Protein backbone atom coordinates (compact mmCIF):
# COMPACT_ATOMS: atom_id res chain seq x y z
CA MET A 1 -55.00 -38.71 17.13
CA SER A 2 -53.50 -35.26 15.55
CA GLN A 3 -55.06 -32.05 16.24
CA PRO A 4 -56.47 -30.00 13.17
CA ALA A 5 -53.98 -27.07 12.30
CA LYS A 6 -55.17 -23.68 13.68
CA SER A 7 -56.09 -21.10 10.99
CA ALA A 8 -53.74 -17.94 11.01
CA ARG A 9 -55.13 -14.79 10.21
CA THR A 10 -52.92 -12.39 8.48
CA PRO A 11 -53.70 -8.53 8.63
CA HIS A 12 -54.85 -7.10 5.43
CA GLY A 13 -51.59 -5.95 3.50
CA ALA A 14 -49.38 -7.77 5.48
CA ALA A 15 -46.81 -10.45 3.59
CA THR A 16 -45.97 -13.52 5.00
CA GLU A 17 -42.66 -14.99 4.44
CA SER A 18 -43.90 -17.04 1.67
CA GLU A 19 -45.46 -14.03 0.03
CA GLY A 20 -42.09 -12.39 -0.23
CA ALA A 21 -41.43 -10.86 3.43
CA LYS A 22 -37.74 -11.44 2.55
CA GLY A 23 -37.60 -9.09 -0.29
CA PRO A 24 -38.42 -5.80 1.77
CA LYS A 25 -36.34 -7.16 4.66
CA ALA A 26 -33.55 -7.64 2.29
CA ALA A 27 -33.85 -4.14 0.57
CA LYS A 28 -33.93 -2.94 4.11
CA ASP A 29 -30.81 -4.61 4.76
CA ARG A 30 -29.13 -3.47 1.86
CA ARG A 31 -30.14 0.32 2.53
CA GLU A 32 -28.72 -0.12 6.27
CA THR A 33 -25.72 -1.66 4.95
CA GLY A 34 -25.16 1.27 2.19
CA ALA A 35 -25.81 3.81 5.02
CA GLU A 36 -23.21 2.07 7.63
CA SER A 37 -20.47 2.03 4.64
CA ALA A 38 -21.29 5.87 3.64
CA GLY A 39 -21.12 6.36 7.62
CA SER A 40 -17.97 4.73 7.71
CA ARG A 41 -16.24 6.63 4.93
CA ARG A 42 -17.52 9.73 6.42
CA ALA A 43 -16.02 8.74 9.76
CA ALA A 44 -12.70 7.75 8.33
CA ALA A 45 -12.37 11.22 6.68
CA GLN A 46 -13.15 13.03 9.56
CA ARG A 47 -10.68 10.87 11.44
CA LEU A 48 -8.12 11.85 8.75
CA ASP A 49 -9.06 15.16 8.79
CA MET A 50 -8.22 15.25 12.55
CA ARG A 51 -4.96 13.64 12.37
CA ARG A 52 -3.74 16.13 9.80
CA LYS A 53 -4.88 18.97 11.88
CA LEU A 54 -3.09 17.77 15.01
CA ALA A 55 -0.13 17.13 12.52
CA ALA A 56 -0.01 20.60 11.46
CA ALA A 57 -0.13 22.00 14.86
CA ALA A 58 2.67 19.82 16.17
CA MET A 59 4.84 20.79 13.30
CA GLU A 60 4.28 24.38 13.65
CA LEU A 61 5.16 24.14 17.24
CA PHE A 62 8.39 21.99 16.69
CA ALA A 63 9.48 24.43 14.08
CA THR A 64 9.10 27.35 16.41
CA LYS A 65 9.59 26.18 20.13
CA GLY A 66 11.49 23.14 19.10
CA TYR A 67 10.69 19.57 19.73
CA GLU A 68 11.68 19.06 23.29
CA ALA A 69 10.07 22.26 24.59
CA THR A 70 6.98 21.40 22.95
CA THR A 71 3.90 19.57 25.09
CA VAL A 72 0.91 17.42 23.88
CA ASP A 73 -1.26 19.96 25.71
CA GLU A 74 0.30 22.75 23.65
CA ILE A 75 -0.32 20.83 20.58
CA ALA A 76 -3.89 20.19 21.32
CA ALA A 77 -4.48 23.72 22.08
CA THR A 78 -3.12 24.79 19.01
CA ALA A 79 -5.25 22.58 17.05
CA GLY A 80 -8.17 23.74 19.25
CA VAL A 81 -9.19 20.38 20.69
CA ALA A 82 -8.88 18.84 23.90
CA ARG A 83 -5.88 16.50 25.46
CA ARG A 84 -8.02 13.47 25.23
CA THR A 85 -8.71 14.00 21.62
CA PHE A 86 -4.98 14.03 20.80
CA PHE A 87 -4.50 10.59 22.48
CA ARG A 88 -7.58 9.11 20.41
CA HIS A 89 -5.56 9.69 17.47
CA PHE A 90 -1.84 9.54 18.61
CA ARG A 91 0.21 7.87 21.25
CA SER A 92 2.85 10.41 21.39
CA LYS A 93 3.95 13.76 20.18
CA GLU A 94 6.49 12.11 17.86
CA GLU A 95 3.89 10.01 16.03
CA ALA A 96 1.88 13.30 15.54
CA ILE A 97 3.85 14.40 12.41
CA PHE A 98 3.07 11.06 10.60
CA PRO A 99 -0.94 11.21 10.12
CA ASP A 100 -1.13 9.56 6.88
CA HIS A 101 1.05 6.41 7.19
CA ASP A 102 -1.63 4.11 8.75
CA ASP A 103 -3.79 4.96 5.50
CA THR A 104 -1.46 4.55 2.85
CA LEU A 105 -0.13 1.51 4.36
CA VAL A 106 -3.96 0.31 3.71
CA ARG A 107 -3.94 1.63 0.36
CA ALA A 108 -0.51 0.06 -0.40
CA ALA A 109 -1.88 -3.25 0.89
CA GLY A 110 -5.27 -2.53 -1.29
CA VAL A 111 -2.83 -2.78 -4.50
CA LEU A 112 -1.27 -6.08 -3.62
CA ASP A 113 -4.60 -7.52 -3.02
CA ALA A 114 -6.19 -6.32 -6.60
CA ALA A 115 -3.14 -7.27 -8.48
CA PRO A 116 -3.95 -9.07 -11.78
CA PRO A 117 -2.88 -12.83 -11.69
CA HIS A 118 -0.05 -12.72 -14.10
CA GLU A 119 1.51 -9.58 -13.11
CA ASN A 120 5.16 -9.91 -12.11
CA PRO A 121 5.05 -9.57 -8.11
CA LEU A 122 7.89 -7.24 -8.23
CA ASP A 123 5.94 -4.92 -10.40
CA THR A 124 2.97 -4.94 -8.12
CA VAL A 125 5.46 -4.28 -5.27
CA CYS A 126 6.69 -1.23 -7.06
CA ARG A 127 3.17 0.08 -7.80
CA GLY A 128 2.19 -0.38 -4.20
CA ILE A 129 5.00 1.67 -2.83
CA LYS A 130 4.06 4.48 -5.13
CA GLU A 131 1.20 5.09 -2.78
CA VAL A 132 3.75 6.40 -0.21
CA MET A 133 5.50 8.57 -2.75
CA ARG A 134 1.61 9.90 -3.53
CA MET A 135 1.24 10.70 0.07
CA TYR A 136 4.50 12.80 0.12
CA ALA A 137 3.62 14.57 -3.14
CA ALA A 138 0.25 15.43 -2.31
CA SER A 139 1.84 18.28 0.13
CA PRO A 140 5.34 19.03 -1.00
CA ALA A 141 5.90 21.80 1.27
CA VAL A 142 4.75 19.91 4.42
CA SER A 143 6.90 17.31 3.37
CA VAL A 144 10.00 19.25 3.20
CA GLU A 145 9.42 20.48 6.43
CA ARG A 146 8.56 17.14 7.97
CA TYR A 147 11.86 15.69 6.52
CA ARG A 148 14.16 18.73 8.06
CA LEU A 149 12.40 17.85 11.32
CA THR A 150 12.98 14.28 11.17
CA ARG A 151 16.58 15.15 10.27
CA GLU A 152 16.88 17.12 13.18
CA VAL A 153 15.04 15.34 16.13
CA PRO A 154 16.18 11.59 16.79
CA ALA A 155 13.00 10.66 17.95
CA LEU A 156 11.29 11.55 14.80
CA ARG A 157 13.89 9.81 12.62
CA GLU A 158 13.53 6.65 14.87
CA ARG A 159 9.59 6.93 14.32
CA GLU A 160 10.45 7.27 10.54
CA ILE A 161 12.25 4.29 10.39
CA ALA A 162 9.42 2.56 12.14
CA SER A 163 7.08 3.48 9.58
CA VAL A 164 9.28 2.29 6.69
CA ALA A 165 9.87 -0.86 8.44
CA ARG A 166 6.04 -1.77 8.05
CA TYR A 167 6.21 -1.31 4.54
CA GLU A 168 9.03 -3.47 4.03
CA ARG A 169 7.52 -6.45 5.82
CA LEU A 170 4.20 -5.71 3.77
CA PHE A 171 5.94 -6.28 0.67
CA THR A 172 8.20 -9.07 1.55
CA ARG A 173 5.23 -11.03 2.92
CA TYR A 174 3.61 -10.32 -0.63
CA LEU A 175 6.60 -11.73 -2.51
CA LEU A 176 7.25 -14.64 -0.23
CA GLY A 177 3.78 -15.69 -0.66
CA HIS A 178 4.24 -16.01 -4.46
CA PHE A 179 6.78 -18.95 -3.89
CA ASP A 180 6.20 -22.39 -2.68
CA GLU A 181 6.27 -22.64 0.94
CA THR A 182 7.34 -26.47 0.69
CA ALA A 183 10.08 -25.38 -1.66
CA HIS A 184 11.98 -23.42 1.11
CA HIS A 185 14.91 -25.75 1.63
CA VAL A 186 18.58 -25.51 1.37
CA GLY A 187 19.73 -24.38 -2.05
CA ASP A 188 16.41 -22.68 -2.90
CA ASP A 189 17.10 -18.82 -2.89
CA ASP A 190 13.56 -17.61 -3.59
CA PRO A 191 12.82 -16.83 0.10
CA LEU A 192 16.28 -15.04 0.39
CA LEU A 193 15.62 -13.12 -3.20
CA ALA A 194 12.30 -12.17 -2.09
CA GLU A 195 13.23 -10.35 1.07
CA VAL A 196 16.36 -8.65 -0.63
CA ALA A 197 14.14 -7.51 -3.50
CA ALA A 198 11.44 -6.09 -1.06
CA SER A 199 14.22 -4.18 0.67
CA ALA A 200 15.70 -3.06 -2.84
CA VAL A 201 12.38 -1.56 -3.72
CA VAL A 202 11.74 0.39 -0.41
CA THR A 203 15.48 1.25 -0.32
CA ALA A 204 15.25 2.58 -4.00
CA HIS A 205 11.92 4.37 -3.08
CA ASN A 206 13.54 6.25 -0.16
CA HIS A 207 16.51 7.05 -1.94
CA VAL A 208 14.51 8.91 -4.46
CA LEU A 209 12.22 10.45 -2.06
CA ARG A 210 15.10 11.76 -0.10
CA ARG A 211 16.73 13.22 -2.93
CA TRP A 212 13.78 14.86 -4.17
CA LEU A 213 12.90 16.28 -0.60
CA ARG A 214 16.50 17.71 -0.06
CA SER A 215 16.18 19.41 -3.39
CA GLY A 216 12.70 21.34 -1.96
CA ALA A 217 10.62 19.08 -3.73
CA GLN A 218 11.89 19.87 -7.44
CA GLY A 219 11.57 17.43 -10.14
CA ASP A 220 9.18 14.87 -11.47
CA LEU A 221 9.14 12.58 -8.36
CA GLU A 222 7.30 9.82 -10.15
CA ALA A 223 9.81 9.76 -13.25
CA GLN A 224 12.55 9.53 -10.98
CA LEU A 225 10.97 6.82 -8.99
CA ASP A 226 10.31 4.90 -12.48
CA HIS A 227 13.82 4.86 -13.05
CA ALA A 228 14.87 3.61 -9.64
CA PHE A 229 12.66 0.97 -10.11
CA GLU A 230 13.80 -0.25 -13.43
CA ILE A 231 17.18 -0.66 -12.11
CA VAL A 232 15.78 -2.84 -9.35
CA ARG A 233 13.85 -4.88 -11.76
CA GLU A 234 16.74 -5.33 -13.82
CA THR A 235 18.82 -6.83 -11.02
CA PHE A 236 16.17 -8.93 -9.30
CA GLY A 237 12.84 -9.16 -11.73
CA THR A 238 13.89 -12.36 -13.53
CA GLY A 239 14.14 -14.07 -10.24
CA ILE A 240 10.78 -12.85 -8.79
CA GLY A 241 8.06 -14.22 -10.70
CA ALA A 242 9.35 -13.65 -14.26
CA GLY A 243 9.65 -16.52 -16.26
CA ARG A 244 7.48 -18.78 -14.06
CA ALA A 245 5.10 -21.23 -15.51
CA GLY A 246 1.65 -19.61 -15.78
CA ALA A 247 -2.30 -20.93 -16.28
CA GLU A 248 -0.94 -22.87 -19.25
CA GLY A 249 2.26 -24.31 -17.91
CA ALA A 250 4.51 -22.31 -20.10
CA PRO A 251 6.72 -19.48 -19.15
CA ALA A 252 5.61 -16.03 -19.50
CA ALA A 253 8.48 -15.38 -22.21
CA SER A 254 11.49 -17.28 -23.62
CA THR A 255 14.22 -16.42 -26.03
CA ARG A 256 16.57 -18.29 -28.45
CA THR A 257 19.02 -17.23 -30.86
CA GLU A 258 19.01 -18.35 -34.54
CA GLY A 259 22.03 -17.20 -36.18
CA GLU A 260 22.01 -13.41 -35.90
CA VAL A 261 18.56 -13.42 -35.12
CA LEU A 262 16.72 -13.40 -31.61
CA VAL A 263 13.46 -15.26 -31.33
CA ALA A 264 10.99 -14.35 -28.78
CA VAL A 265 8.13 -16.44 -27.74
CA ALA A 266 5.48 -15.08 -25.14
CA ARG A 267 2.24 -16.22 -23.91
CA THR A 268 -0.54 -14.21 -25.00
CA ASP A 269 -1.60 -12.99 -21.24
CA ALA A 270 2.11 -12.22 -20.65
CA PRO A 271 2.54 -8.63 -19.39
CA LEU A 272 4.22 -6.63 -21.99
CA ASP A 273 7.13 -5.01 -19.59
CA GLU A 274 7.98 -8.72 -18.72
CA VAL A 275 8.22 -9.75 -22.40
CA MET A 276 10.11 -6.74 -22.90
CA ARG A 277 12.74 -7.60 -19.86
CA THR A 278 13.41 -11.01 -21.07
CA ILE A 279 14.19 -9.87 -24.66
CA GLU A 280 16.36 -7.07 -23.15
CA LYS A 281 18.26 -9.54 -20.83
CA ALA A 282 18.84 -11.72 -23.96
CA LEU A 283 20.27 -9.03 -26.10
CA LYS A 284 22.48 -8.11 -23.36
CA LYS A 285 24.08 -11.48 -23.25
CA LYS A 286 24.75 -11.26 -27.32
C-alpha cells in the first residue's frame, strides 16, 4: 500500500523550482559570469602592463650596460618588482624585450577565426599578420630601439626568429585547413602552395617592417605593407582559395574573351578584390 505524500511547506516569499527559482539563479549566474569576464580582462591588462614595464627596464639596461652585463635581478629592481615577479612573466632576460608577441598571436588567430566564409584565405592571412605590424607601429621609438638591440645581440635575434616562426605556423595551418585533407596526394600541389604562400606573407611583412625600422620608423608602414601583400597575392592568390567553388558550386569569378571584349562573371557574394584580381590576370594574358 502506498504511503500518502507528505505535504511540503514553503516559507512565505520563497519560490519553488516550479515557480521560477531558475530565473533568479540564472540571473545570478549571468552576473557572476559577467563579473568574471570583466575580472579576466582587468587581469589580462594588468599582466600586459607589467610585461611592458619589465621590457622597458630590460631595454634601458641593455642599452646602457650591455646585454651580457645585465642581470635579471637588475631588470626587476629597475622595474621596482621582486625577482620572482619577473619570472612569473618571462623565462629569461632575452624574452623580456618581446612582451607583446603572445597577445598579438592571440589577436592574429582571432582574425582568422572570424574571417567571412567567402573571403580568400590568403587575404585573411594578410589581414591577420597586420596585427603584428600594428604592435610595432603602436610604439615606433621602442620598436626602433628593440630592432637595434636584436641586430647586436645574437640571443635576442634568435628569440625574434622563434617568435616569427610561431606566426608562420599559425598561418600555414590556416591555409592548409582550407583544402581537402584527403586530396593531399602526389601531384596535388595545394599543401605545398599553402606552406609557401604562408611563408611569403610572413617574409613580405618582415621585409617591409625591417625596412621601416631601419629608416627610423619613417613613412606609411601600412601602405608599404599593402603593396607588398599585393605582390604576394598576384603570385599565389589564384591558387589559394581563389576561383574555388562556393556555396552555389560556381567559382568566385571567371572570365572569357569575345573578340576584343573581356567578359567577367562573378558570384554576387564574391569578394570584390578577388573579382578584380581575376580580371587583372585575364587582361595581362591578352
